[in-house]
Structures are given as structure tokens and as C-alpha cells.
Amino acid sequence: MGNLVKALKIAANVAEIIVAGSVLIELAEKYGGRLGKKKSATGKVATDTAATITDSTSDE
């Protein structure tokens, strides 16, 4: 019975470490420099299109 309690305590500690690690990963993705600032492809395409339209009208 004593070994079972020790095993459950160890399992609880391991589970707590796993949860804490996943929380740290989420925070790093949210507030991290390069990881949190991913650009969408559609935003980049829209920016390029707007720049092209502006450039073509300024040439005239």
C-alpha cells in the first residue's frame, strides 16, 4: 500500500510538470518574439497588391 501511494505521488508530480511545460510553451508562442509574430500569407499578398497599385498610379 505504501508503494502505491508513492507511485501515485510520482505520477501526480510528472503530470504537474507536463502541464507546466505546456503552459510555458503556450506563453512562449503568445509572447515570444519570432514565434508569436507569424504573418499570414493573405496579409502579405494584400500588401504587395496595394504597393503595386500605388506604384503604377504614381508613374503616370
PDB file of N, CA and C in Angstrom:
ATOM      1  N   MET A   1       0.828  -1.201   0.000  1.00  0.00           N
ATOM      2  CA  MET A   1       0.000   0.000   0.000  1.00  0.00           C
ATOM      3  C   MET A   1       0.868   1.259   0.000  1.00  0.00           C
ATOM      4  N   GLY A   2       1.989   1.216   0.708  1.00  0.00           N
ATOM      5  CA  GLY A   2       2.893   2.368   0.753  1.00  0.00           C
ATOM      6  C   GLY A   2       3.509   2.654  -0.599  1.00  0.00           C
ATOM      7  N   ASN A   3       3.829   1.569  -1.331  1.00  0.00           N
ATOM      8  CA  ASN A   3       4.408   1.756  -2.661  1.00  0.00           C
ATOM      9  C   ASN A   3       3.396   2.358  -3.631  1.00  0.00           C
ATOM     10  N   LEU A   4       2.139   2.012  -3.470  1.00  0.00           N
ATOM     11  CA  LEU A   4       1.097   2.562  -4.330  1.00  0.00           C
ATOM     12  C   LEU A   4       0.954   4.065  -4.118  1.00  0.00           C
ATOM     13  N   VAL A   5       1.012   4.498  -2.871  1.00  0.00           N
ATOM     14  CA  VAL A   5       0.907   5.926  -2.562  1.00  0.00           C
ATOM     15  C   VAL A   5       2.103   6.676  -3.146  1.00  0.00           C
ATOM     16  N   LYS A   6       3.289   6.090  -3.023  1.00  0.00           N
ATOM     17  CA  LYS A   6       4.484   6.722  -3.587  1.00  0.00           C
ATOM     18  C   LYS A   6       4.372   6.824  -5.108  1.00  0.00           C
ATOM     19  N   ALA A   7       3.875   5.772  -5.730  1.00  0.00           N
ATOM     20  CA  ALA A   7       3.727   5.774  -7.184  1.00  0.00           C
ATOM     21  C   ALA A   7       2.711   6.827  -7.630  1.00  0.00           C
ATOM     22  N   LEU A   8       1.624   6.963  -6.890  1.00  0.00           N
ATOM     23  CA  LEU A   8       0.624   7.976  -7.229  1.00  0.00           C
ATOM     24  C   LEU A   8       1.178   9.391  -7.059  1.00  0.00           C
ATOM     25  N   LYS A   9       1.989   9.602  -6.030  1.00  0.00           N
ATOM     26  CA  LYS A   9       2.603  10.916  -5.833  1.00  0.00           C
ATOM     27  C   LYS A   9       3.565  11.241  -6.973  1.00  0.00           C
ATOM     28  N   ILE A  10       4.328  10.238  -7.389  1.00  0.00           N
ATOM     29  CA  ILE A  10       5.259  10.442  -8.502  1.00  0.00           C
ATOM     30  C   ILE A  10       4.484  10.736  -9.783  1.00  0.00           C
ATOM     31  N   ALA A  11       3.410   9.999 -10.016  1.00  0.00           N
ATOM     32  CA  ALA A  11       2.596  10.227 -11.212  1.00  0.00           C
ATOM     33  C   ALA A  11       1.971  11.620 -11.189  1.00  0.00           C
ATOM     34  N   ALA A  12       1.544  12.072 -10.024  1.00  0.00           N
ATOM     35  CA  ALA A  12       0.966  13.412  -9.906  1.00  0.00           C
ATOM     36  C   ALA A  12       2.021  14.479 -10.186  1.00  0.00           C
ATOM     37  N   ASN A  13       3.235  14.262  -9.699  1.00  0.00           N
ATOM     38  CA  ASN A  13       4.316  15.220  -9.960  1.00  0.00           C
ATOM     39  C   ASN A  13       4.671  15.270 -11.442  1.00  0.00           C
ATOM     40  N   VAL A  14       4.718  14.118 -12.085  1.00  0.00           N
ATOM     41  CA  VAL A  14       5.018  14.070 -13.517  1.00  0.00           C
ATOM     42  C   VAL A  14       3.925  14.783 -14.308  1.00  0.00           C
ATOM     43  N   ALA A  15       2.674  14.559 -13.950  1.00  0.00           N
ATOM     44  CA  ALA A  15       1.565  15.222 -14.641  1.00  0.00           C
ATOM     45  C   ALA A  15       1.634  16.734 -14.446  1.00  0.00           C
ATOM     46  N   GLU A  16       2.007  17.172 -13.260  1.00  0.00           N
ATOM     47  CA  GLU A  16       2.120  18.602 -12.992  1.00  0.00           C
ATOM     48  C   GLU A  16       3.242  19.232 -13.823  1.00  0.00           C
ATOM     49  N   ILE A  17       4.339  18.525 -13.978  1.00  0.00           N
ATOM     50  CA  ILE A  17       5.450  19.019 -14.794  1.00  0.00           C
ATOM     51  C   ILE A  17       5.028  19.123 -16.256  1.00  0.00           C
ATOM     52  N   ILE A  18       4.286  18.143 -16.737  1.00  0.00           N
ATOM     53  CA  ILE A  18       3.827  18.168 -18.131  1.00  0.00           C
ATOM     54  C   ILE A  18       2.886  19.345 -18.367  1.00  0.00           C
ATOM     55  N   VAL A  19       1.975  19.581 -17.456  1.00  0.00           N
ATOM     56  CA  VAL A  19       1.035  20.698 -17.599  1.00  0.00           C
ATOM     57  C   VAL A  19       1.785  22.026 -17.545  1.00  0.00           C
ATOM     58  N   ALA A  20       2.734  22.149 -16.624  1.00  0.00           N
ATOM     59  CA  ALA A  20       3.504  23.389 -16.524  1.00  0.00           C
ATOM     60  C   ALA A  20       4.309  23.626 -17.800  1.00  0.00           C
ATOM     61  N   GLY A  21       4.845  22.569 -18.369  1.00  0.00           N
ATOM     62  CA  GLY A  21       5.592  22.703 -19.619  1.00  0.00           C
ATOM     63  C   GLY A  21       4.717  23.161 -20.761  1.00  0.00           C
ATOM     64  N   SER A  22       3.516  22.634 -20.843  1.00  0.00           N
ATOM     65  CA  SER A  22       2.617  23.051 -21.924  1.00  0.00           C
ATOM     66  C   SER A  22       2.176  24.498 -21.745  1.00  0.00           C
ATOM     67  N   VAL A  23       2.016  24.935 -20.504  1.00  0.00           N
ATOM     68  CA  VAL A  23       1.671  26.336 -20.249  1.00  0.00           C
ATOM     69  C   VAL A  23       2.820  27.241 -20.679  1.00  0.00           C
ATOM     70  N   LEU A  24       4.048  26.838 -20.376  1.00  0.00           N
ATOM     71  CA  LEU A  24       5.203  27.632 -20.790  1.00  0.00           C
ATOM     72  C   LEU A  24       5.308  27.717 -22.308  1.00  0.00           C
ATOM     73  N   ILE A  25       5.011  26.633 -22.991  1.00  0.00           N
ATOM     74  CA  ILE A  25       5.052  26.637 -24.453  1.00  0.00           C
ATOM     75  C   ILE A  25       3.993  27.582 -25.011  1.00  0.00           C
ATOM     76  N   GLU A  26       2.796  27.550 -24.449  1.00  0.00           N
ATOM     77  CA  GLU A  26       1.734  28.453 -24.905  1.00  0.00           C
ATOM     78  C   GLU A  26       2.122  29.911 -24.688  1.00  0.00           C
ATOM     79  N   LEU A  27       2.715  30.215 -23.525  1.00  0.00           N
ATOM     80  CA  LEU A  27       3.127  31.588 -23.257  1.00  0.00           C
ATOM     81  C   LEU A  27       4.253  32.022 -24.186  1.00  0.00           C
ATOM     82  N   ALA A  28       5.172  31.118 -24.476  1.00  0.00           N
ATOM     83  CA  ALA A  28       6.273  31.446 -25.388  1.00  0.00           C
ATOM     84  C   ALA A  28       5.746  31.714 -26.789  1.00  0.00           C
ATOM     85  N   GLU A  29       4.757  30.954 -27.236  1.00  0.00           N
ATOM     86  CA  GLU A  29       4.183  31.189 -28.558  1.00  0.00           C
ATOM     87  C   GLU A  29       3.405  32.495 -28.604  1.00  0.00           C
ATOM     88  N   LYS A  30       2.749  32.824 -27.506  1.00  0.00           N
ATOM     89  CA  LYS A  30       1.929  34.030 -27.485  1.00  0.00           C
ATOM     90  C   LYS A  30       2.782  35.292 -27.371  1.00  0.00           C
ATOM     91  N   TYR A  31       3.768  35.284 -26.486  1.00  0.00           N
ATOM     92  CA  TYR A  31       4.542  36.483 -26.204  1.00  0.00           C
ATOM     93  C   TYR A  31       5.962  36.434 -26.744  1.00  0.00           C
ATOM     94  N   GLY A  32       6.345  35.343 -27.353  1.00  0.00           N
ATOM     95  CA  GLY A  32       7.702  35.219 -27.874  1.00  0.00           C
ATOM     96  C   GLY A  32       7.926  36.104 -29.078  1.00  0.00           C
ATOM     97  N   GLY A  33       9.171  36.396 -29.374  1.00  0.00           N
ATOM     98  CA  GLY A  33       9.500  37.285 -30.482  1.00  0.00           C
ATOM     99  C   GLY A  33       9.121  36.718 -31.821  1.00  0.00           C
ATOM    100  N   ARG A  34       9.908  35.816 -32.337  1.00  0.00           N
ATOM    101  CA  ARG A  34       9.673  35.293 -33.677  1.00  0.00           C
ATOM    102  C   ARG A  34       8.515  34.308 -33.690  1.00  0.00           C
ATOM    103  N   LEU A  35       8.321  33.559 -32.623  1.00  0.00           N
ATOM    104  CA  LEU A  35       7.273  32.540 -32.601  1.00  0.00           C
ATOM    105  C   LEU A  35       5.879  33.153 -32.572  1.00  0.00           C
ATOM    106  N   GLY A  36       5.710  34.270 -31.903  1.00  0.00           N
ATOM    107  CA  GLY A  36       4.389  34.857 -31.753  1.00  0.00           C
ATOM    108  C   GLY A  36       3.988  35.776 -32.881  1.00  0.00           C
ATOM    109  N   LYS A  37       4.911  36.111 -33.795  1.00  0.00           N
ATOM    110  CA  LYS A  37       4.621  37.089 -34.839  1.00  0.00           C
ATOM    111  C   LYS A  37       4.628  36.443 -36.211  1.00  0.00           C
ATOM    112  N   LYS A  38       3.858  35.422 -36.387  1.00  0.00           N
ATOM    113  CA  LYS A  38       3.766  34.761 -37.682  1.00  0.00           C
ATOM    114  C   LYS A  38       2.864  35.581 -38.590  1.00  0.00           C
ATOM    115  N   LYS A  39       3.279  35.749 -39.838  1.00  0.00           N
ATOM    116  CA  LYS A  39       2.491  36.530 -40.796  1.00  0.00           C
ATOM    117  C   LYS A  39       1.659  35.586 -41.643  1.00  0.00           C
ATOM    118  N   SER A  40       0.455  36.002 -41.927  1.00  0.00           N
ATOM    119  CA  SER A  40      -0.393  35.183 -42.781  1.00  0.00           C
ATOM    120  C   SER A  40      -0.063  35.461 -44.238  1.00  0.00           C
ATOM    121  N   ALA A  41      -0.258  34.487 -45.068  1.00  0.00           N
ATOM    122  CA  ALA A  41       0.047  34.634 -46.492  1.00  0.00           C
ATOM    123  C   ALA A  41      -0.909  35.620 -47.151  1.00  0.00           C
ATOM    124  N   THR A  42      -2.170  35.646 -46.733  1.00  0.00           N
ATOM    125  CA  THR A  42      -3.137  36.552 -47.351  1.00  0.00           C
ATOM    126  C   THR A  42      -2.804  37.999 -47.034  1.00  0.00           C
ATOM    127  N   GLY A  43      -2.327  38.286 -45.842  1.00  0.00           N
ATOM    128  CA  GLY A  43      -1.941  39.651 -45.499  1.00  0.00           C
ATOM    129  C   GLY A  43      -0.779  40.125 -46.342  1.00  0.00           C
ATOM    130  N   LYS A  44       0.163  39.253 -46.610  1.00  0.00           N
ATOM    131  CA  LYS A  44       1.320  39.612 -47.423  1.00  0.00           C
ATOM    132  C   LYS A  44       0.897  39.867 -48.867  1.00  0.00           C
ATOM    133  N   VAL A  45       0.011  39.062 -49.381  1.00  0.00           N
ATOM    134  CA  VAL A  45      -0.457  39.246 -50.755  1.00  0.00           C
ATOM    135  C   VAL A  45      -1.204  40.563 -50.876  1.00  0.00           C
ATOM    136  N   ALA A  46      -2.045  40.886 -49.913  1.00  0.00           N
ATOM    137  CA  ALA A  46      -2.796  42.133 -49.962  1.00  0.00           C
ATOM    138  C   ALA A  46      -1.853  43.328 -49.898  1.00  0.00           C
ATOM    139  N   THR A  47      -0.795  43.248 -49.120  1.00  0.00           N
ATOM    140  CA  THR A  47       0.173  44.337 -49.023  1.00  0.00           C
ATOM    141  C   THR A  47       0.900  44.522 -50.342  1.00  0.00           C
ATOM    142  N   ASP A  48       1.310  43.437 -50.967  1.00  0.00           N
ATOM    143  CA  ASP A  48       2.004  43.522 -52.253  1.00  0.00           C
ATOM    144  C   ASP A  48       1.094  44.099 -53.330  1.00  0.00           C
ATOM    145  N   THR A  49      -0.163  43.715 -53.330  1.00  0.00           N
ATOM    146  CA  THR A  49      -1.106  44.222 -54.320  1.00  0.00           C
ATOM    147  C   THR A  49      -1.310  45.724 -54.135  1.00  0.00           C
ATOM    148  N   ALA A  50      -1.444  46.167 -52.903  1.00  0.00           N
ATOM    149  CA  ALA A  50      -1.635  47.590 -52.640  1.00  0.00           C
ATOM    150  C   ALA A  50      -0.399  48.377 -53.056  1.00  0.00           C
ATOM    151  N   ALA A  51       0.782  47.850 -52.832  1.00  0.00           N
ATOM    152  CA  ALA A  51       2.008  48.536 -53.233  1.00  0.00           C
ATOM    153  C   ALA A  51       2.111  48.607 -54.748  1.00  0.00           C
ATOM    154  N   THR A  52       1.698  47.568 -55.444  1.00  0.00           N
ATOM    155  CA  THR A  52       1.749  47.557 -56.903  1.00  0.00           C
ATOM    156  C   THR A  52       0.795  48.592 -57.481  1.00  0.00           C
ATOM    157  N   ILE A  53      -0.384  48.681 -56.932  1.00  0.00           N
ATOM    158  CA  ILE A  53      -1.368  49.653 -57.421  1.00  0.00           C
ATOM    159  C   ILE A  53      -0.854  51.070 -57.174  1.00  0.00           C
ATOM    160  N   THR A  54      -0.273  51.320 -56.018  1.00  0.00           N
ATOM    161  CA  THR A  54       0.255  52.643 -55.705  1.00  0.00           C
ATOM    162  C   THR A  54       1.405  52.998 -56.633  1.00  0.00           C
ATOM    163  N   ASP A  55       2.284  52.043 -56.906  1.00  0.00           N
ATOM    164  CA  ASP A  55       3.425  52.298 -57.778  1.00  0.00           C
ATOM    165  C   ASP A  55       2.979  52.592 -59.205  1.00  0.00           C
ATOM    166  N   SER A  56       1.996  51.879 -59.707  1.00  0.00           N
ATOM    167  CA  SER A  56       1.572  52.072 -61.092  1.00  0.00           C
ATOM    168  C   SER A  56       0.868  53.408 -61.282  1.00  0.00           C
ATOM    169  N   THR A  57       0.154  53.902 -60.279  1.00  0.00           N
ATOM    170  CA  THR A  57      -0.522  55.189 -60.418  1.00  0.00           C
ATOM    171  C   THR A  57       0.458  56.340 -60.244  1.00  0.00           C
ATOM    172  N   SER A  58       1.524  56.160 -59.503  1.00  0.00           N
ATOM    173  CA  SER A  58       2.480  57.241 -59.307  1.00  0.00           C
ATOM    174  C   SER A  58       3.367  57.439 -60.528  1.00  0.00           C
ATOM    175  N   ASP A  59       3.470  56.439 -61.411  1.00  0.00           N
ATOM    176  CA  ASP A  59       4.291  56.554 -62.610  1.00  0.00           C
ATOM    177  C   ASP A  59       3.637  57.437 -63.666  1.00  0.00           C
ATOM    178  N   GLU A  60       2.350  57.588 -63.610  1.00  0.00           N
ATOM    179  CA  GLU A  60       1.639  58.328 -64.661  1.00  0.00           C
ATOM    180  C   GLU A  60       1.784  59.807 -64.525  1.00  0.00           C
TER     181      GLU A  60
END
